[in-house]
PDB file of all heavy atoms in Angstrom:
ATOM      1  N   LEU A   1      86.766  92.905 113.506  1.00  0.00           N
ATOM      2  CA  LEU A   1      87.647  93.796 114.255  1.00  0.00           C
ATOM      3  C   LEU A   1      89.071  93.739 113.718  1.00  0.00           C
ATOM      4  O   LEU A   1      89.786  94.739 113.735  1.00  0.00           O
ATOM      5  CB  LEU A   1      87.622  93.434 115.742  1.00  0.00           C
ATOM      6  CG  LEU A   1      86.281  93.633 116.445  1.00  0.00           C
ATOM      7  CD1 LEU A   1      86.381  93.235 117.919  1.00  0.00           C
ATOM      8  CD2 LEU A   1      85.808  95.067 116.323  1.00  0.00           C
ATOM      9  N   GLY A   2      89.479  92.565 113.237  1.00  0.00           N
ATOM     10  CA  GLY A   2      90.806  92.456 112.637  1.00  0.00           C
ATOM     11  C   GLY A   2      90.936  93.321 111.396  1.00  0.00           C
ATOM     12  O   GLY A   2      91.950  94.001 111.202  1.00  0.00           O
ATOM     13  N   PHE A   3      89.912  93.323 110.546  1.00  0.00           N
ATOM     14  CA  PHE A   3      89.922  94.195 109.367  1.00  0.00           C
ATOM     15  C   PHE A   3      89.933  95.659 109.780  1.00  0.00           C
ATOM     16  O   PHE A   3      90.584  96.493 109.136  1.00  0.00           O
ATOM     17  CB  PHE A   3      88.710  93.907 108.482  1.00  0.00           C
ATOM     18  CG  PHE A   3      88.956  92.853 107.449  1.00  0.00           C
ATOM     19  CD1 PHE A   3      88.499  91.560 107.637  1.00  0.00           C
ATOM     20  CD2 PHE A   3      89.651  93.144 106.294  1.00  0.00           C
ATOM     21  CE1 PHE A   3      88.720  90.572 106.686  1.00  0.00           C
ATOM     22  CE2 PHE A   3      89.887  92.173 105.328  1.00  0.00           C
ATOM     23  CZ  PHE A   3      89.420  90.882 105.531  1.00  0.00           C
ATOM     24  N   PHE A   4      89.205  95.993 110.846  1.00  0.00           N
ATOM     25  CA  PHE A   4      89.180  97.374 111.315  1.00  0.00           C
ATOM     26  C   PHE A   4      90.564  97.811 111.778  1.00  0.00           C
ATOM     27  O   PHE A   4      91.020  98.916 111.450  1.00  0.00           O
ATOM     28  CB  PHE A   4      88.172  97.513 112.458  1.00  0.00           C
ATOM     29  CG  PHE A   4      88.150  98.873 113.087  1.00  0.00           C
ATOM     30  CD1 PHE A   4      87.635  99.966 112.398  1.00  0.00           C
ATOM     31  CD2 PHE A   4      88.633  99.076 114.360  1.00  0.00           C
ATOM     32  CE1 PHE A   4      87.613 101.220 112.966  1.00  0.00           C
ATOM     33  CE2 PHE A   4      88.616 100.329 114.946  1.00  0.00           C
ATOM     34  CZ  PHE A   4      88.108 101.404 114.248  1.00  0.00           C
ATOM     35  N   VAL A   5      91.252  96.955 112.527  1.00  0.00           N
ATOM     36  CA  VAL A   5      92.609  97.279 112.985  1.00  0.00           C
ATOM     37  C   VAL A   5      93.560  97.395 111.795  1.00  0.00           C
ATOM     38  O   VAL A   5      94.367  98.334 111.716  1.00  0.00           O
ATOM     39  CB  VAL A   5      93.101  96.207 113.977  1.00  0.00           C
ATOM     40  CG1 VAL A   5      94.586  96.406 114.294  1.00  0.00           C
ATOM     41  CG2 VAL A   5      92.293  96.261 115.264  1.00  0.00           C
ATOM     42  N   LEU A   6      93.470  96.454 110.854  1.00  0.00           N
ATOM     43  CA  LEU A   6      94.338  96.492 109.678  1.00  0.00           C
ATOM     44  C   LEU A   6      94.126  97.771 108.880  1.00  0.00           C
ATOM     45  O   LEU A   6      95.091  98.433 108.460  1.00  0.00           O
ATOM     46  CB  LEU A   6      94.063  95.266 108.798  1.00  0.00           C
ATOM     47  CG  LEU A   6      94.796  95.205 107.457  1.00  0.00           C
ATOM     48  CD1 LEU A   6      96.299  95.102 107.678  1.00  0.00           C
ATOM     49  CD2 LEU A   6      94.298  94.020 106.629  1.00  0.00           C
ATOM     50  N   THR A   7      92.864  98.145 108.671  1.00  0.00           N
ATOM     51  CA  THR A   7      92.563  99.355 107.909  1.00  0.00           C
ATOM     52  C   THR A   7      93.032 100.597 108.649  1.00  0.00           C
ATOM     53  O   THR A   7      93.550 101.543 108.037  1.00  0.00           O
ATOM     54  CB  THR A   7      91.054  99.443 107.630  1.00  0.00           C
ATOM     55  OG1 THR A   7      90.608  98.210 107.065  1.00  0.00           O
ATOM     56  CG2 THR A   7      90.748 100.575 106.671  1.00  0.00           C
ATOM     57  N   SER A   8      92.864 100.628 109.962  1.00  0.00           N
ATOM     58  CA  SER A   8      93.314 101.782 110.747  1.00  0.00           C
ATOM     59  C   SER A   8      94.823 101.943 110.658  1.00  0.00           C
ATOM     60  O   SER A   8      95.338 103.058 110.507  1.00  0.00           O
ATOM     61  CB  SER A   8      92.883 101.621 112.214  1.00  0.00           C
ATOM     62  OG  SER A   8      91.486 101.527 112.327  1.00  0.00           O
ATOM     63  N   PHE A   9      95.543 100.825 110.767  1.00  0.00           N
ATOM     64  CA  PHE A   9      96.997 100.870 110.612  1.00  0.00           C
ATOM     65  C   PHE A   9      97.366 101.421 109.236  1.00  0.00           C
ATOM     66  O   PHE A   9      98.191 102.342 109.113  1.00  0.00           O
ATOM     67  CB  PHE A   9      97.579  99.468 110.782  1.00  0.00           C
ATOM     68  CG  PHE A   9      98.279  99.253 112.084  1.00  0.00           C
ATOM     69  CD1 PHE A   9      97.875  98.246 112.944  1.00  0.00           C
ATOM     70  CD2 PHE A   9      99.341 100.051 112.462  1.00  0.00           C
ATOM     71  CE1 PHE A   9      98.505  98.036 114.152  1.00  0.00           C
ATOM     72  CE2 PHE A   9      99.984  99.854 113.674  1.00  0.00           C
ATOM     73  CZ  PHE A   9      99.565  98.840 114.516  1.00  0.00           C
ATOM     74  N   ALA A  10      96.760 100.859 108.196  1.00  0.00           N
ATOM     75  CA  ALA A  10      97.114 101.242 106.831  1.00  0.00           C
ATOM     76  C   ALA A  10      96.793 102.707 106.565  1.00  0.00           C
ATOM     77  O   ALA A  10      97.593 103.432 105.950  1.00  0.00           O
ATOM     78  CB  ALA A  10      96.376 100.344 105.839  1.00  0.00           C
ATOM     79  N   GLU A  11      95.619 103.165 107.017  1.00  0.00           N
ATOM     80  CA  GLU A  11      95.226 104.549 106.787  1.00  0.00           C
ATOM     81  C   GLU A  11      96.200 105.522 107.454  1.00  0.00           C
ATOM     82  O   GLU A  11      96.582 106.536 106.872  1.00  0.00           O
ATOM     83  CB  GLU A  11      93.813 104.784 107.327  1.00  0.00           C
ATOM     84  CG  GLU A  11      92.719 104.450 106.352  1.00  0.00           C
ATOM     85  CD  GLU A  11      92.593 105.502 105.265  1.00  0.00           C
ATOM     86  OE1 GLU A  11      92.398 106.683 105.593  1.00  0.00           O
ATOM     87  OE2 GLU A  11      92.694 105.126 104.093  1.00  0.00           O
ATOM     88  N   THR A  12      96.584 105.233 108.682  1.00  0.00           N
ATOM     89  CA  THR A  12      97.447 106.162 109.411  1.00  0.00           C
ATOM     90  C   THR A  12      98.866 106.167 108.855  1.00  0.00           C
ATOM     91  O   THR A  12      99.484 107.232 108.737  1.00  0.00           O
ATOM     92  CB  THR A  12      97.466 105.807 110.903  1.00  0.00           C
ATOM     93  OG1 THR A  12      96.133 105.602 111.357  1.00  0.00           O
ATOM     94  CG2 THR A  12      98.086 106.927 111.709  1.00  0.00           C
ATOM     95  N   ILE A  13      99.388 104.995 108.517  1.00  0.00           N
ATOM     96  CA  ILE A  13     100.724 104.942 107.920  1.00  0.00           C
ATOM     97  C   ILE A  13     100.726 105.687 106.589  1.00  0.00           C
ATOM     98  O   ILE A  13     101.653 106.452 106.275  1.00  0.00           O
ATOM     99  CB  ILE A  13     101.176 103.483 107.743  1.00  0.00           C
ATOM    100  CG1 ILE A  13     101.442 102.852 109.115  1.00  0.00           C
ATOM    101  CG2 ILE A  13     102.433 103.411 106.881  1.00  0.00           C
ATOM    102  CD1 ILE A  13     101.793 101.377 109.049  1.00  0.00           C
ATOM    103  N   TRP A  14      99.656 105.479 105.803  1.00  0.00           N
ATOM    104  CA  TRP A  14      99.571 106.183 104.522  1.00  0.00           C
ATOM    105  C   TRP A  14      99.506 107.692 104.742  1.00  0.00           C
ATOM    106  O   TRP A  14     100.092 108.456 103.975  1.00  0.00           O
ATOM    107  CB  TRP A  14      98.358 105.710 103.737  1.00  0.00           C
ATOM    108  CG  TRP A  14      98.077 106.563 102.546  1.00  0.00           C
ATOM    109  CD1 TRP A  14      97.104 107.503 102.415  1.00  0.00           C
ATOM    110  CD2 TRP A  14      98.823 106.595 101.331  1.00  0.00           C
ATOM    111  NE1 TRP A  14      97.180 108.116 101.190  1.00  0.00           N
ATOM    112  CE2 TRP A  14      98.229 107.571 100.506  1.00  0.00           C
ATOM    113  CE3 TRP A  14      99.923 105.890 100.859  1.00  0.00           C
ATOM    114  CZ2 TRP A  14      98.707 107.850  99.227  1.00  0.00           C
ATOM    115  CZ3 TRP A  14     100.385 106.176  99.591  1.00  0.00           C
ATOM    116  CH2 TRP A  14      99.783 107.138  98.795  1.00  0.00           C
ATOM    117  N   SER A  15      98.789 108.134 105.769  1.00  0.00           N
ATOM    118  CA  SER A  15      98.670 109.575 106.014  1.00  0.00           C
ATOM    119  C   SER A  15     100.026 110.194 106.342  1.00  0.00           C
ATOM    120  O   SER A  15     100.329 111.307 105.915  1.00  0.00           O
ATOM    121  CB  SER A  15      97.682 109.833 107.156  1.00  0.00           C
ATOM    122  OG  SER A  15      98.206 109.407 108.402  1.00  0.00           O
ATOM    123  N   ILE A  16     100.846 109.449 107.094  1.00  0.00           N
ATOM    124  CA  ILE A  16     102.179 109.957 107.433  1.00  0.00           C
ATOM    125  C   ILE A  16     103.052 110.018 106.177  1.00  0.00           C
ATOM    126  O   ILE A  16     103.794 110.993 105.955  1.00  0.00           O
ATOM    127  CB  ILE A  16     102.818 109.072 108.516  1.00  0.00           C
ATOM    128  CG1 ILE A  16     101.996 109.168 109.811  1.00  0.00           C
ATOM    129  CG2 ILE A  16     104.265 109.468 108.764  1.00  0.00           C
ATOM    130  CD1 ILE A  16     102.461 108.229 110.901  1.00  0.00           C
ATOM    131  N   LEU A  17     102.972 108.981 105.342  1.00  0.00           N
ATOM    132  CA  LEU A  17     103.698 109.022 104.072  1.00  0.00           C
ATOM    133  C   LEU A  17     103.167 110.145 103.186  1.00  0.00           C
ATOM    134  O   LEU A  17     103.929 110.808 102.477  1.00  0.00           O
ATOM    135  CB  LEU A  17     103.546 107.684 103.343  1.00  0.00           C
ATOM    136  CG  LEU A  17     104.244 106.474 103.972  1.00  0.00           C
ATOM    137  CD1 LEU A  17     103.854 105.201 103.243  1.00  0.00           C
ATOM    138  CD2 LEU A  17     105.755 106.644 103.963  1.00  0.00           C
ATOM    139  N   HIS A  18     101.869 110.379 103.248  1.00  0.00           N
ATOM    140  CA  HIS A  18     101.241 111.399 102.405  1.00  0.00           C
ATOM    141  C   HIS A  18     101.762 112.788 102.733  1.00  0.00           C
ATOM    142  O   HIS A  18     102.153 113.552 101.844  1.00  0.00           O
ATOM    143  CB  HIS A  18      99.725 111.336 102.593  1.00  0.00           C
ATOM    144  CG  HIS A  18      98.977 112.349 101.792  1.00  0.00           C
ATOM    145  ND1 HIS A  18      98.668 113.599 102.287  1.00  0.00           N
ATOM    146  CD2 HIS A  18      98.473 112.309 100.542  1.00  0.00           C
ATOM    147  CE1 HIS A  18      98.017 114.278 101.365  1.00  0.00           C
ATOM    148  NE2 HIS A  18      97.872 113.519 100.302  1.00  0.00           N
ATOM    149  N   ILE A  19     101.794 113.135 104.014  1.00  0.00           N
ATOM    150  CA  ILE A  19     102.179 114.499 104.382  1.00  0.00           C
ATOM    151  C   ILE A  19     103.672 114.716 104.171  1.00  0.00           C
ATOM    152  O   ILE A  19     104.102 115.843 103.866  1.00  0.00           O
ATOM    153  CB  ILE A  19     101.784 114.787 105.853  1.00  0.00           C
ATOM    154  CG1 ILE A  19     101.945 116.279 106.156  1.00  0.00           C
ATOM    155  CG2 ILE A  19     102.600 113.963 106.816  1.00  0.00           C
ATOM    156  CD1 ILE A  19     101.435 116.665 107.527  1.00  0.00           C
ATOM    157  N   ASN A  20     104.480 113.667 104.287  1.00  0.00           N
ATOM    158  CA  ASN A  20     105.927 113.847 104.186  1.00  0.00           C
ATOM    159  C   ASN A  20     106.468 113.694 102.770  1.00  0.00           C
ATOM    160  O   ASN A  20     107.484 114.308 102.429  1.00  0.00           O
ATOM    161  CB  ASN A  20     106.636 112.834 105.101  1.00  0.00           C
ATOM    162  CG  ASN A  20     106.450 113.160 106.568  1.00  0.00           C
ATOM    163  OD1 ASN A  20     106.813 114.233 107.024  1.00  0.00           O
ATOM    164  ND2 ASN A  20     105.869 112.242 107.314  1.00  0.00           N
ATOM    165  N   TYR A  21     105.792 112.896 101.948  1.00  0.00           N
ATOM    166  CA  TYR A  21     106.346 112.586 100.636  1.00  0.00           C
ATOM    167  C   TYR A  21     105.403 112.924  99.483  1.00  0.00           C
ATOM    168  O   TYR A  21     105.845 113.450  98.464  1.00  0.00           O
ATOM    169  CB  TYR A  21     106.721 111.092 100.559  1.00  0.00           C
ATOM    170  CG  TYR A  21     107.779 110.698 101.547  1.00  0.00           C
ATOM    171  CD1 TYR A  21     107.464 109.984 102.704  1.00  0.00           C
ATOM    172  CD2 TYR A  21     109.116 111.038 101.335  1.00  0.00           C
ATOM    173  CE1 TYR A  21     108.439 109.619 103.622  1.00  0.00           C
ATOM    174  CE2 TYR A  21     110.094 110.683 102.238  1.00  0.00           C
ATOM    175  CZ  TYR A  21     109.757 109.977 103.381  1.00  0.00           C
ATOM    176  OH  TYR A  21     110.725 109.631 104.281  1.00  0.00           O
ATOM    177  N   LEU A  22     104.119 112.591  99.627  1.00  0.00           N
ATOM    178  CA  LEU A  22     103.224 112.724  98.494  1.00  0.00           C
ATOM    179  C   LEU A  22     102.743 114.160  98.281  1.00  0.00           C
ATOM    180  O   LEU A  22     102.568 114.599  97.142  1.00  0.00           O
ATOM    181  CB  LEU A  22     102.018 111.798  98.672  1.00  0.00           C
ATOM    182  CG  LEU A  22     101.161 111.598  97.424  1.00  0.00           C
ATOM    183  CD1 LEU A  22     101.998 110.988  96.302  1.00  0.00           C
ATOM    184  CD2 LEU A  22      99.959 110.702  97.717  1.00  0.00           C
ATOM    185  N   MET A  23     102.530 114.902  99.367  1.00  0.00           N
ATOM    186  CA  MET A  23     102.035 116.272  99.235  1.00  0.00           C
ATOM    187  C   MET A  23     102.957 117.146  98.384  1.00  0.00           C
ATOM    188  O   MET A  23     102.481 117.892  97.515  1.00  0.00           O
ATOM    189  CB  MET A  23     101.818 116.891 100.608  1.00  0.00           C
ATOM    190  CG  MET A  23     100.529 116.468 101.291  1.00  0.00           C
ATOM    191  SD  MET A  23      99.046 117.109 100.464  1.00  0.00           S
ATOM    192  CE  MET A  23      99.084 118.811 101.006  1.00  0.00           C
ATOM    193  N   PRO A  24     104.293 117.110  98.583  1.00  0.00           N
ATOM    194  CA  PRO A  24     105.170 117.913  97.706  1.00  0.00           C
ATOM    195  C   PRO A  24     105.032 117.531  96.229  1.00  0.00           C
ATOM    196  O   PRO A  24     105.085 118.407  95.357  1.00  0.00           O
ATOM    197  CB  PRO A  24     106.580 117.602  98.238  1.00  0.00           C
ATOM    198  CG  PRO A  24     106.369 117.222  99.663  1.00  0.00           C
ATOM    199  CD  PRO A  24     105.070 116.488  99.680  1.00  0.00           C
ATOM    200  N   LEU A  25     104.862 116.232  95.958  1.00  0.00           N
ATOM    201  CA  LEU A  25     104.685 115.807  94.572  1.00  0.00           C
ATOM    202  C   LEU A  25     103.355 116.297  94.004  1.00  0.00           C
ATOM    203  O   LEU A  25     103.265 116.677  92.831  1.00  0.00           O
ATOM    204  CB  LEU A  25     104.763 114.282  94.482  1.00  0.00           C
ATOM    205  CG  LEU A  25     106.091 113.637  94.890  1.00  0.00           C
ATOM    206  CD1 LEU A  25     106.009 112.125  94.762  1.00  0.00           C
ATOM    207  CD2 LEU A  25     107.238 114.178  94.040  1.00  0.00           C
ATOM    208  N   GLN A  26     102.308 116.305  94.842  1.00  0.00           N
ATOM    209  CA  GLN A  26     101.017 116.793  94.378  1.00  0.00           C
ATOM    210  C   GLN A  26     101.057 118.286  94.078  1.00  0.00           C
ATOM    211  O   GLN A  26     100.437 118.744  93.118  1.00  0.00           O
ATOM    212  CB  GLN A  26      99.938 116.492  95.426  1.00  0.00           C
ATOM    213  CG  GLN A  26      99.534 115.022  95.493  1.00  0.00           C
ATOM    214  CD  GLN A  26      98.450 114.782  96.507  1.00  0.00           C
ATOM    215  OE1 GLN A  26      98.385 115.439  97.536  1.00  0.00           O
ATOM    216  NE2 GLN A  26      97.579 113.815  96.230  1.00  0.00           N
ATOM    217  N   ARG A  27     101.795 119.031  94.888  1.00  0.00           N
ATOM    218  CA  ARG A  27     101.907 120.477  94.627  1.00  0.00           C
ATOM    219  C   ARG A  27     102.580 120.723  93.277  1.00  0.00           C
ATOM    220  O   ARG A  27     102.198 121.640  92.547  1.00  0.00           O
ATOM    221  CB  ARG A  27     102.680 121.144  95.759  1.00  0.00           C
ATOM    222  CG  ARG A  27     101.959 121.098  97.105  1.00  0.00           C
ATOM    223  CD  ARG A  27     102.690 121.914  98.162  1.00  0.00           C
ATOM    224  NE  ARG A  27     102.037 121.770  99.456  1.00  0.00           N
ATOM    225  CZ  ARG A  27     102.518 121.062 100.469  1.00  0.00           C
ATOM    226  NH1 ARG A  27     103.684 120.447 100.336  1.00  0.00           N
ATOM    227  NH2 ARG A  27     101.859 120.983 101.602  1.00  0.00           N
ATOM    228  N   GLU A  28     103.584 119.908  92.966  1.00  0.00           N
ATOM    229  CA  GLU A  28     104.228 120.053  91.662  1.00  0.00           C
ATOM    230  C   GLU A  28     103.274 119.663  90.537  1.00  0.00           C
ATOM    231  O   GLU A  28     103.216 120.315  89.490  1.00  0.00           O
ATOM    232  CB  GLU A  28     105.488 119.177  91.606  1.00  0.00           C
ATOM    233  CG  GLU A  28     106.658 119.718  92.412  1.00  0.00           C
ATOM    234  CD  GLU A  28     107.191 121.017  91.816  1.00  0.00           C
ATOM    235  OE1 GLU A  28     107.249 121.112  90.573  1.00  0.00           O
ATOM    236  OE2 GLU A  28     107.535 121.925  92.588  1.00  0.00           O
ATOM    237  N   ALA A  29     102.515 118.594  90.756  1.00  0.00           N
ATOM    238  CA  ALA A  29     101.619 118.107  89.710  1.00  0.00           C
ATOM    239  C   ALA A  29     100.511 119.109  89.408  1.00  0.00           C
ATOM    240  O   ALA A  29     100.068 119.234  88.259  1.00  0.00           O
ATOM    241  CB  ALA A  29     101.020 116.766  90.118  1.00  0.00           C
ATOM    242  N   LEU A  30     100.061 119.853  90.427  1.00  0.00           N
ATOM    243  CA  LEU A  30      98.939 120.768  90.237  1.00  0.00           C
ATOM    244  C   LEU A  30      99.324 122.016  89.455  1.00  0.00           C
ATOM    245  O   LEU A  30      98.457 122.846  89.173  1.00  0.00           O
ATOM    246  CB  LEU A  30      98.345 121.160  91.590  1.00  0.00           C
ATOM    247  CG  LEU A  30      97.579 120.039  92.301  1.00  0.00           C
ATOM    248  CD1 LEU A  30      97.035 120.520  93.630  1.00  0.00           C
ATOM    249  CD2 LEU A  30      96.459 119.506  91.430  1.00  0.00           C
ATOM    250  N   LYS A  31     100.587 122.156  89.111  1.00  0.00           N
ATOM    251  CA  LYS A  31     100.963 123.232  88.198  1.00  0.00           C
ATOM    252  C   LYS A  31     100.436 122.965  86.786  1.00  0.00           C
ATOM    253  O   LYS A  31     100.328 123.881  85.978  1.00  0.00           O
ATOM    254  CB  LYS A  31     102.490 123.388  88.166  1.00  0.00           C
ATOM    255  CG  LYS A  31     103.078 123.852  89.495  1.00  0.00           C
ATOM    256  CD  LYS A  31     104.589 123.948  89.405  1.00  0.00           C
ATOM    257  CE  LYS A  31     105.191 124.412  90.728  1.00  0.00           C
ATOM    258  NZ  LYS A  31     106.678 124.491  90.667  1.00  0.00           N
ATOM    259  N   ASP A  32     100.111 121.703  86.527  1.00  0.00           N
ATOM    260  CA  ASP A  32      99.541 121.317  85.239  1.00  0.00           C
ATOM    261  C   ASP A  32      98.019 121.507  85.303  1.00  0.00           C
ATOM    262  O   ASP A  32      97.356 120.912  86.162  1.00  0.00           O
ATOM    263  CB  ASP A  32      99.878 119.854  84.947  1.00  0.00           C
ATOM    264  CG  ASP A  32      99.355 119.397  83.588  1.00  0.00           C
ATOM    265  OD1 ASP A  32      98.712 120.204  82.893  1.00  0.00           O
ATOM    266  OD2 ASP A  32      99.597 118.228  83.244  1.00  0.00           O
ATOM    267  N   PRO A  33      97.425 122.320  84.427  1.00  0.00           N
ATOM    268  CA  PRO A  33      95.969 122.550  84.465  1.00  0.00           C
ATOM    269  C   PRO A  33      95.156 121.264  84.337  1.00  0.00           C
ATOM    270  O   PRO A  33      94.081 121.160  84.930  1.00  0.00           O
ATOM    271  CB  PRO A  33      95.736 123.491  83.277  1.00  0.00           C
ATOM    272  CG  PRO A  33      97.048 124.156  83.040  1.00  0.00           C
ATOM    273  CD  PRO A  33      98.083 123.142  83.396  1.00  0.00           C
TER     274      PRO A  33
END
C-alpha cells in the first residue's frame, strides 16, 4: 500500500507538471517529422 500511495502521488504530480510545462514543449517538438 505504501508503494501504491507513492506511485499515486508521483503520477498525479507528474500529470500537473505535464499539462503546465511539458505539453507546450511537446507541441514544439512535434513540428519535427
